[in-house]
Amino acid sequence: MARPFEKLPPGAKKHLEAMASNGLLSESRAADALGMPLDQFRRVLREHKPSREVWDNALSIERDNLLDALYSKAVEGDVKAAQTLLAARHGVSEKIPQEKGERLNITFQLPAAMDAADYMKAISVKQEALPNE
């Protein structure tokens, strides 16, 4: 039985960054490309900080490439791409109000609860006799 991996193998940084640049980065593909079982790959990322940093850097490359592609689409006039970028990078969305001052607040104040006897007194109505004219 082979010894479990304690860190990513040599050359993993270069290999993972290339995968990220080509849009092929996923845990399962990365583990397979590095010759590691997926469970050991995940454990190494969890327990070995330098390996986690290599993985995070590769994810950053992938994220930057995706944002660049999205930006290109937005500049070309793709409204959905522009909306997505505004929401993701700048927190601007058509679903939430832009200014806090534009919100309407309504407050309801309910009376305190009554015991049963007081409630019955409050709802009982005495009929008054109408004057006979």
Protein backbone atom coordinates (compact mmCIF):
# COMPACT_ATOMS: atom_id res chain seq x y z
CA MET A 1 0.00 0.00 0.00
CA ALA A 2 1.36 3.41 -1.00
CA ARG A 3 2.04 6.06 1.57
CA PRO A 4 -0.62 8.75 1.75
CA PHE A 5 0.26 12.13 0.33
CA GLU A 6 1.25 14.79 2.85
CA LYS A 7 1.51 17.65 0.33
CA LEU A 8 1.00 18.27 -3.35
CA PRO A 9 3.61 16.59 -5.56
CA PRO A 10 6.46 18.57 -7.15
CA GLY A 11 5.36 20.64 -10.15
CA ALA A 12 1.76 20.85 -8.89
CA LYS A 13 1.78 24.66 -8.85
CA LYS A 14 2.68 24.97 -12.51
CA HIS A 15 0.29 22.19 -13.50
CA LEU A 16 -2.68 23.59 -11.54
CA GLU A 17 -2.11 27.11 -12.87
CA ALA A 18 -2.07 25.77 -16.44
CA MET A 19 -5.31 23.89 -15.79
CA ALA A 20 -6.86 27.07 -14.40
CA SER A 21 -5.76 29.09 -17.43
CA ASN A 22 -7.41 26.55 -19.73
CA GLY A 23 -10.66 26.40 -17.76
CA LEU A 24 -10.11 22.80 -16.68
CA LEU A 25 -9.73 23.30 -12.94
CA SER A 26 -11.80 21.10 -10.66
CA GLU A 27 -10.83 19.06 -7.63
CA SER A 28 -11.39 15.73 -9.34
CA ARG A 29 -9.48 16.69 -12.51
CA ALA A 30 -6.65 18.19 -10.50
CA ALA A 31 -6.32 15.13 -8.28
CA ASP A 32 -6.34 12.85 -11.32
CA ALA A 33 -3.76 14.98 -13.17
CA LEU A 34 -1.48 14.96 -10.12
CA GLY A 35 -1.85 11.21 -9.64
CA MET A 36 -3.57 11.54 -6.29
CA PRO A 37 -6.75 9.91 -5.01
CA LEU A 38 -9.46 12.57 -4.60
CA ASP A 39 -9.87 11.98 -0.86
CA GLN A 40 -6.14 12.46 -0.27
CA PHE A 41 -6.10 15.54 -2.49
CA ARG A 42 -8.88 17.10 -0.40
CA ARG A 43 -7.17 16.12 2.85
CA VAL A 44 -3.86 17.66 1.69
CA LEU A 45 -5.63 20.91 0.83
CA ARG A 46 -7.28 20.92 4.25
CA GLU A 47 -4.19 20.09 6.30
CA HIS A 48 -1.17 21.45 4.40
CA LYS A 49 -1.23 25.25 4.25
CA PRO A 50 1.30 25.69 1.38
CA SER A 51 -0.69 23.23 -0.73
CA ARG A 52 -3.88 25.13 0.04
CA GLU A 53 -2.18 28.36 -1.06
CA VAL A 54 -1.20 26.75 -4.39
CA TRP A 55 -4.82 25.66 -4.89
CA ASP A 56 -6.18 29.10 -3.92
CA ASN A 57 -3.80 30.78 -6.39
CA ALA A 58 -4.97 28.48 -9.17
CA LEU A 59 -8.60 29.29 -8.30
CA SER A 60 -7.71 33.01 -8.45
CA ILE A 61 -6.33 32.58 -11.97
CA GLU A 62 -9.53 30.83 -13.03
CA ARG A 63 -11.69 33.53 -11.40
CA ASP A 64 -9.70 36.32 -13.09
CA ASN A 65 -10.06 34.63 -16.49
CA LEU A 66 -13.80 34.26 -16.01
CA LEU A 67 -14.16 37.89 -14.92
CA ASP A 68 -12.13 39.00 -17.97
CA ALA A 69 -14.42 37.00 -20.27
CA LEU A 70 -17.50 38.40 -18.56
CA TYR A 71 -16.12 41.93 -18.83
CA SER A 72 -15.48 41.48 -22.55
CA LYS A 73 -19.07 40.34 -23.04
CA ALA A 74 -20.37 43.30 -21.02
CA VAL A 75 -18.34 45.80 -23.06
CA GLU A 76 -19.68 44.22 -26.26
CA GLY A 77 -23.19 45.03 -25.08
CA ASP A 78 -24.32 41.89 -23.28
CA VAL A 79 -26.70 43.37 -20.69
CA LYS A 80 -26.83 40.21 -18.55
CA ALA A 81 -23.02 40.13 -18.33
CA ALA A 82 -22.99 43.80 -17.31
CA GLN A 83 -25.66 43.20 -14.64
CA THR A 84 -23.76 40.20 -13.30
CA LEU A 85 -20.51 42.16 -13.05
CA LEU A 86 -22.20 45.11 -11.36
CA ALA A 87 -23.79 42.80 -8.81
CA ALA A 88 -20.68 40.68 -8.17
CA ARG A 89 -18.05 43.40 -8.04
CA HIS A 90 -19.95 46.49 -6.95
CA GLY A 91 -23.01 45.22 -5.09
CA VAL A 92 -25.36 47.00 -7.52
CA SER A 93 -28.55 45.08 -8.20
CA GLU A 94 -31.98 45.92 -9.52
CA LYS A 95 -33.48 43.79 -6.76
CA ILE A 96 -32.41 45.96 -3.83
CA PRO A 97 -32.89 49.72 -3.41
CA GLN A 98 -29.81 51.82 -4.13
CA GLU A 99 -30.30 54.31 -1.31
CA LYS A 100 -31.35 53.47 2.20
CA GLY A 101 -33.42 56.66 2.38
CA GLU A 102 -35.79 55.41 -0.33
CA ARG A 103 -37.16 52.60 1.81
CA LEU A 104 -40.59 52.76 3.37
CA ASN A 105 -40.95 51.55 6.94
CA ILE A 106 -44.30 50.74 8.55
CA THR A 107 -44.55 49.95 12.26
CA PHE A 108 -47.56 48.25 13.81
CA GLN A 109 -48.06 48.51 17.55
CA LEU A 110 -50.43 45.95 19.00
CA PRO A 111 -52.01 46.26 22.43
CA ALA A 112 -50.91 43.96 25.21
CA ALA A 113 -52.74 40.65 25.63
CA MET A 114 -55.83 40.62 27.87
CA ASP A 115 -57.00 37.89 30.16
CA ALA A 116 -60.25 36.15 29.13
CA ALA A 117 -62.56 38.07 31.51
CA ASP A 118 -61.30 41.49 30.39
CA TYR A 119 -61.61 40.42 26.77
CA MET A 120 -65.24 39.35 27.24
CA LYS A 121 -66.03 42.72 28.86
CA ALA A 122 -64.39 44.57 25.99
CA ILE A 123 -66.36 42.80 23.28
CA SER A 124 -69.76 42.69 24.99
CA VAL A 125 -72.18 45.28 23.66
CA LYS A 126 -75.32 46.38 25.40
CA GLN A 127 -78.12 47.16 23.08
CA GLU A 128 -79.79 50.41 23.69
CA ALA A 129 -83.45 50.86 23.10
CA LEU A 130 -84.22 53.29 20.38
CA PRO A 131 -86.53 56.08 21.45
CA ASN A 132 -90.01 55.72 20.05
CA GLU A 133 -90.78 58.79 18.17
